[in-house]
Amino acid sequence: MDRQAAHEQWERDRATLHRLVAAATTADLHRRSQGTRWTNQQLLFHLVFGYQIVRALLILVRLFGRLPDPAGRGFAAVLNAATPPFHVINYLGSCGGGLIGPRCAAAWLDHIIASLHRSLDRADEADLARGMHYPTRWDPFFRDYMTLADIYRYPAQHFTFHQRQLTLDQ
């Protein structure tokens, strides 16, 4: 894994979110995004939440990566079966999360990315190679099996994908 590239991408995403938040008017924030049911403000929160979820995913990889393969496959199968409620929770969570305001979301992203920097710097090569099975129906960037290195790359993929759906001047 190219750690430096991950660190640099996270910082670009952080700077992008701060730039978008600083430039957005109230009307911009309340306008619908493109291809989602969220407003721009809700989608900005969702961008941050994509980074936040990585912190939980890191814990899961460290746990399930040590268990026998059938345990991870079973866990992923259960999560895949729960896809419909997951999508509802994901949607409503960003609707509610959007209420915290974009400046708070940007500050939260600063905290999350600082934590991810520290975590990636502490991970050794064996950690980065450890992986587990994932619910492929939850997210287009989840693959059946992902390593810790894959999880560290995930938030930037998620961010880039959803950033294109914003209807803000970028």
Protein backbone atom coordinates (compact mmCIF):
# COMPACT_ATOMS: atom_id res chain seq x y z
CA MET A 1 0.00 0.00 0.00
CA ASP A 2 1.22 3.48 -0.83
CA ARG A 3 0.66 5.08 2.57
CA GLN A 4 1.82 8.50 1.44
CA ALA A 5 -0.73 8.50 -1.39
CA ALA A 6 -3.50 7.66 1.08
CA HIS A 7 -2.42 10.42 3.47
CA GLU A 8 -2.27 12.93 0.61
CA GLN A 9 -5.69 11.93 -0.77
CA TRP A 10 -7.30 12.26 2.64
CA GLU A 11 -5.84 15.75 2.95
CA ARG A 12 -7.13 16.68 -0.52
CA ASP A 13 -10.60 15.44 0.45
CA ARG A 14 -10.43 17.40 3.72
CA ALA A 15 -9.42 20.58 1.89
CA THR A 16 -12.13 20.01 -0.73
CA LEU A 17 -14.84 19.66 1.90
CA HIS A 18 -13.68 22.83 3.67
CA ARG A 19 -13.63 24.70 0.35
CA LEU A 20 -17.12 23.47 -0.58
CA VAL A 21 -18.53 24.38 2.82
CA ALA A 22 -16.94 27.85 2.79
CA ALA A 23 -18.30 28.65 -0.66
CA ALA A 24 -21.80 27.22 -0.26
CA THR A 25 -24.73 29.55 0.29
CA THR A 26 -27.83 28.56 2.21
CA ALA A 27 -29.66 28.14 -1.10
CA ASP A 28 -26.82 25.94 -2.41
CA LEU A 29 -27.00 23.72 0.66
CA HIS A 30 -30.78 23.25 0.39
CA ARG A 31 -30.70 22.44 -3.32
CA ARG A 32 -31.15 18.79 -4.32
CA SER A 33 -28.05 16.83 -5.23
CA GLN A 34 -27.81 14.98 -8.51
CA GLY A 35 -28.76 11.29 -8.52
CA THR A 36 -29.70 11.07 -4.82
CA ARG A 37 -32.67 12.05 -2.69
CA TRP A 38 -30.41 14.16 -0.45
CA THR A 39 -29.88 17.88 -0.45
CA ASN A 40 -26.33 19.13 -0.89
CA GLN A 41 -26.10 19.68 2.88
CA GLN A 42 -27.16 16.12 3.60
CA LEU A 43 -24.76 14.78 0.98
CA LEU A 44 -21.89 16.79 2.49
CA PHE A 45 -22.61 15.02 5.76
CA HIS A 46 -22.68 11.69 3.92
CA LEU A 47 -19.19 12.41 2.54
CA VAL A 48 -17.96 12.81 6.12
CA PHE A 49 -19.86 9.73 7.27
CA GLY A 50 -18.04 7.68 4.63
CA TYR A 51 -14.83 8.55 6.44
CA GLN A 52 -16.35 7.91 9.88
CA ILE A 53 -17.54 4.43 8.96
CA VAL A 54 -13.95 3.44 8.17
CA ARG A 55 -13.12 3.66 11.85
CA ALA A 56 -15.70 0.92 12.56
CA LEU A 57 -14.59 -1.10 9.54
CA LEU A 58 -11.00 -1.09 10.82
CA ILE A 59 -12.15 -2.71 14.05
CA LEU A 60 -14.14 -5.33 12.15
CA VAL A 61 -11.16 -6.23 9.93
CA ARG A 62 -8.90 -6.57 12.92
CA LEU A 63 -11.44 -8.90 14.56
CA PHE A 64 -12.73 -10.97 11.64
CA GLY A 65 -9.33 -11.07 9.98
CA ARG A 66 -8.19 -13.29 12.85
CA LEU A 67 -11.20 -15.61 12.79
CA PRO A 68 -11.71 -18.62 10.54
CA ASP A 69 -12.90 -17.70 7.03
CA PRO A 70 -16.43 -19.14 7.51
CA ALA A 71 -17.06 -16.69 10.35
CA GLY A 72 -16.36 -13.73 8.09
CA ARG A 73 -18.37 -15.20 5.21
CA GLY A 74 -21.31 -15.77 7.54
CA PHE A 75 -21.12 -12.24 8.93
CA ALA A 76 -21.02 -10.78 5.41
CA ALA A 77 -24.00 -12.95 4.39
CA VAL A 78 -26.03 -11.70 7.36
CA LEU A 79 -25.18 -8.10 6.47
CA ASN A 80 -26.06 -8.68 2.82
CA ALA A 81 -29.43 -10.06 3.92
CA ALA A 82 -29.96 -6.85 5.91
CA THR A 83 -29.35 -4.62 2.87
CA PRO A 84 -32.87 -3.10 2.64
CA PRO A 85 -32.90 -1.81 6.24
CA PHE A 86 -29.26 -0.71 5.86
CA HIS A 87 -30.17 1.48 2.89
CA VAL A 88 -33.04 3.06 4.85
CA ILE A 89 -30.79 3.74 7.84
CA ASN A 90 -28.03 5.07 5.57
CA TYR A 91 -30.47 7.45 3.88
CA LEU A 92 -32.18 8.65 7.06
CA GLY A 93 -28.87 8.91 8.92
CA SER A 94 -27.55 11.40 6.39
CA CYS A 95 -30.87 13.26 6.42
CA GLY A 96 -30.56 13.65 10.18
CA GLY A 97 -26.81 14.13 10.13
CA GLY A 98 -27.22 16.98 7.68
CA LEU A 99 -28.89 18.90 10.49
CA ILE A 100 -25.58 19.31 12.33
CA GLY A 101 -24.51 21.83 9.73
CA PRO A 102 -21.73 21.78 7.20
CA ARG A 103 -19.16 23.62 9.34
CA CYS A 104 -19.56 21.07 12.12
CA ALA A 105 -19.30 18.27 9.55
CA ALA A 106 -16.05 19.78 8.26
CA ALA A 107 -14.64 19.99 11.79
CA TRP A 108 -15.68 16.39 12.39
CA LEU A 109 -13.88 15.34 9.20
CA ASP A 110 -10.71 17.04 10.49
CA HIS A 111 -10.90 14.89 13.63
CA ILE A 112 -11.64 11.67 11.71
CA ILE A 113 -8.82 12.17 9.21
CA ALA A 114 -6.33 12.96 11.98
CA SER A 115 -7.34 9.67 13.61
CA LEU A 116 -6.98 7.76 10.34
CA HIS A 117 -3.52 9.25 9.77
CA ARG A 118 -2.39 7.99 13.19
CA SER A 119 -3.99 4.58 12.62
CA LEU A 120 -2.41 4.07 9.20
CA ASP A 121 1.00 5.13 10.52
CA ARG A 122 0.76 2.51 13.30
CA ALA A 123 -0.34 -0.35 11.01
CA ASP A 124 2.35 -2.81 10.01
CA GLU A 125 2.45 -4.78 6.76
CA ALA A 126 0.84 -7.85 8.35
CA ASP A 127 -2.05 -5.66 9.55
CA LEU A 128 -2.51 -4.14 6.09
CA ALA A 129 -2.65 -7.60 4.50
CA ARG A 130 -5.28 -8.94 6.93
CA GLY A 131 -8.79 -8.91 5.56
CA MET A 132 -12.36 -10.13 5.76
CA HIS A 133 -15.48 -10.63 3.68
CA TYR A 134 -17.84 -7.69 3.16
CA PRO A 135 -21.49 -7.20 2.25
CA THR A 136 -21.15 -6.41 -1.44
CA ARG A 137 -24.75 -5.21 -1.68
CA TRP A 138 -24.16 -2.34 0.76
CA ASP A 139 -21.77 -0.22 -1.24
CA PRO A 140 -20.46 -0.28 -4.82
CA PHE A 141 -16.90 -0.07 -3.50
CA PHE A 142 -17.18 -3.10 -1.21
CA ARG A 143 -15.74 -6.27 -2.68
CA ASP A 144 -16.31 -9.77 -1.38
CA TYR A 145 -12.95 -9.76 0.37
CA MET A 146 -11.11 -6.61 1.43
CA THR A 147 -7.86 -6.11 3.29
CA LEU A 148 -7.14 -3.44 5.83
CA ALA A 149 -5.23 -1.61 3.07
CA ASP A 150 -8.41 -1.70 0.94
CA ILE A 151 -10.39 -0.22 3.81
CA TYR A 152 -7.92 2.64 4.17
CA ARG A 153 -8.45 3.41 0.46
CA TYR A 154 -12.25 3.16 0.68
CA PRO A 155 -13.19 6.59 2.10
CA ALA A 156 -11.50 8.49 -0.72
CA GLN A 157 -13.32 6.36 -3.30
CA HIS A 158 -16.63 7.00 -1.55
CA PHE A 159 -15.87 10.72 -1.24
CA THR A 160 -14.95 11.12 -4.92
CA PHE A 161 -18.03 9.23 -6.09
CA HIS A 162 -20.47 11.29 -4.03
CA GLN A 163 -18.68 14.60 -4.56
CA ARG A 164 -19.69 14.34 -8.22
CA GLN A 165 -23.33 14.26 -7.13
CA LEU A 166 -23.17 17.64 -5.40
CA THR A 167 -24.86 20.48 -7.25
CA LEU A 168 -22.56 23.08 -5.76
CA ASP A 169 -20.13 25.20 -7.72
CA GLN A 170 -16.95 23.16 -7.51
